[in-house]
Amino acid sequence: KSVLSPNGIVAANTFSSSKLYQHESATYHAVFGDFINVSTAKNSNRIILAGYEHMPTEQQLASRIAKLSPLLSPYGIDLHTISKGMASTKDNQDWPADTKVLTDQYSPANLLNF
């Protein structure tokens, strides 16, 4: 968080089906506060958008999506569809409150073994 510029945002591409999902969520929340999860039913990826000093409003997000959509559509990226999978953790914390935060001392990589 300390390396972000004042208006900087961190974007992380991770998995929505990982056994580390809850720990990743708790960790990002502990460091950055509320963040945005972006996921689709189509695959098991999720994008975490964090670092907002003030979370963007729905109107601000819609404006940014409208502005960026034509620029990304030639690359096969449909921001309108992707944006339907956006959810702020402010009103949608989908992990238990007592979930352990990932640290150097607690990094259960063995959870990744299926």
Protein backbone atom coordinates (compact mmCIF):
# COMPACT_ATOMS: atom_id res chain seq x y z
CA LYS A 1 0.00 0.00 0.00
CA SER A 2 2.86 2.36 0.80
CA VAL A 3 4.18 2.26 -2.79
CA LEU A 4 0.90 3.39 -4.37
CA SER A 5 0.60 6.97 -5.53
CA PRO A 6 -2.17 8.96 -3.80
CA ASN A 7 -4.64 7.95 -6.55
CA GLY A 8 -3.07 4.54 -7.20
CA ILE A 9 -5.05 1.33 -7.43
CA VAL A 10 -3.77 -2.21 -7.11
CA ALA A 11 -5.28 -4.83 -9.42
CA ALA A 12 -4.77 -8.49 -8.63
CA ASN A 13 -5.86 -11.38 -10.82
CA THR A 14 -6.57 -14.35 -8.57
CA PHE A 15 -9.06 -17.20 -8.23
CA SER A 16 -12.61 -17.12 -6.93
CA SER A 17 -12.56 -20.87 -6.37
CA SER A 18 -9.27 -21.06 -4.44
CA LYS A 19 -9.14 -22.37 -0.90
CA LEU A 20 -7.18 -19.17 -0.17
CA TYR A 21 -10.10 -16.95 -1.29
CA GLN A 22 -11.21 -16.04 2.23
CA HIS A 23 -7.63 -15.40 3.41
CA GLU A 24 -6.82 -13.26 0.37
CA SER A 25 -10.01 -11.28 0.90
CA ALA A 26 -9.30 -10.76 4.59
CA THR A 27 -5.73 -9.70 3.81
CA TYR A 28 -6.67 -7.16 1.13
CA HIS A 29 -9.38 -5.80 3.42
CA ALA A 30 -6.96 -5.51 6.37
CA VAL A 31 -4.47 -3.58 4.23
CA PHE A 32 -6.70 -1.50 1.97
CA GLY A 33 -10.14 -1.45 3.58
CA ASP A 34 -13.12 -2.01 1.29
CA PHE A 35 -12.26 -3.18 -2.20
CA ILE A 36 -14.00 -4.30 -5.37
CA ASN A 37 -14.27 -7.94 -6.40
CA VAL A 38 -14.80 -8.61 -10.08
CA SER A 39 -15.83 -12.12 -11.06
CA THR A 40 -17.99 -13.89 -13.57
CA ALA A 41 -19.81 -17.20 -13.56
CA LYS A 42 -17.95 -18.00 -16.77
CA ASN A 43 -14.64 -18.84 -15.07
CA SER A 44 -13.01 -19.11 -11.68
CA ASN A 45 -10.90 -15.96 -11.93
CA ARG A 46 -11.51 -12.84 -9.95
CA ILE A 47 -9.94 -9.42 -10.06
CA ILE A 48 -9.39 -7.49 -6.86
CA LEU A 49 -9.34 -3.70 -7.20
CA ALA A 50 -8.08 -2.04 -4.02
CA GLY A 51 -6.43 1.09 -2.74
CA TYR A 52 -9.27 3.54 -3.13
CA GLU A 53 -9.10 6.46 -0.74
CA HIS A 54 -12.80 6.86 -1.50
CA MET A 55 -14.65 4.04 -3.21
CA PRO A 56 -16.00 5.15 -6.62
CA THR A 57 -19.72 5.66 -6.89
CA GLU A 58 -21.80 3.61 -9.31
CA GLN A 59 -22.08 6.72 -11.48
CA GLN A 60 -18.29 7.14 -11.56
CA LEU A 61 -17.82 3.47 -12.45
CA ALA A 62 -20.45 3.68 -15.20
CA SER A 63 -18.73 6.76 -16.64
CA ARG A 64 -15.33 5.03 -16.66
CA ILE A 65 -16.79 1.89 -18.22
CA ALA A 66 -18.47 3.95 -20.96
CA LYS A 67 -15.20 5.76 -21.66
CA LEU A 68 -13.00 2.64 -21.71
CA SER A 69 -15.35 0.19 -23.46
CA PRO A 70 -14.71 1.41 -27.01
CA LEU A 71 -10.96 1.38 -26.39
CA LEU A 72 -10.95 -2.23 -25.15
CA SER A 73 -13.58 -3.77 -27.42
CA PRO A 74 -11.11 -4.29 -30.33
CA TYR A 75 -9.27 -6.67 -27.98
CA GLY A 76 -12.38 -8.71 -27.23
CA ILE A 77 -12.88 -7.20 -23.78
CA ASP A 78 -16.53 -6.52 -22.98
CA LEU A 79 -16.43 -4.15 -20.00
CA HIS A 80 -20.22 -4.00 -19.76
CA THR A 81 -20.41 -7.75 -19.15
CA ILE A 82 -17.41 -7.72 -16.83
CA SER A 83 -18.86 -4.82 -14.83
CA LYS A 84 -21.95 -6.89 -14.00
CA GLY A 85 -19.64 -9.03 -11.86
CA MET A 86 -18.37 -6.07 -9.81
CA ALA A 87 -19.20 -6.02 -6.12
CA SER A 88 -17.85 -3.81 -3.38
CA THR A 89 -16.93 -5.51 -0.13
CA LYS A 90 -18.47 -2.55 1.71
CA ASP A 91 -21.89 -4.20 1.76
CA ASN A 92 -20.83 -7.66 0.66
CA GLN A 93 -18.11 -9.12 2.88
CA ASP A 94 -18.28 -12.77 1.81
CA TRP A 95 -15.71 -14.21 4.21
CA PRO A 96 -15.97 -14.91 7.96
CA ALA A 97 -14.93 -12.04 10.21
CA ASP A 98 -12.41 -14.27 12.03
CA THR A 99 -10.55 -15.30 8.85
CA LYS A 100 -6.78 -15.17 9.34
CA VAL A 101 -4.86 -12.56 7.38
CA LEU A 102 -1.95 -13.84 5.28
CA THR A 103 1.46 -12.91 6.67
CA ASP A 104 5.03 -14.17 6.39
CA GLN A 105 4.24 -16.30 9.45
CA TYR A 106 0.86 -17.49 8.11
CA SER A 107 0.86 -18.45 4.46
CA PRO A 108 -0.94 -21.76 4.08
CA ALA A 109 0.20 -22.53 0.53
CA ASN A 110 -0.69 -26.17 1.21
CA LEU A 111 -4.32 -25.10 0.76
CA LEU A 112 -3.56 -24.81 -2.94
CA ASN A 113 -3.01 -28.58 -3.21
CA PHE A 114 -6.19 -30.11 -4.57
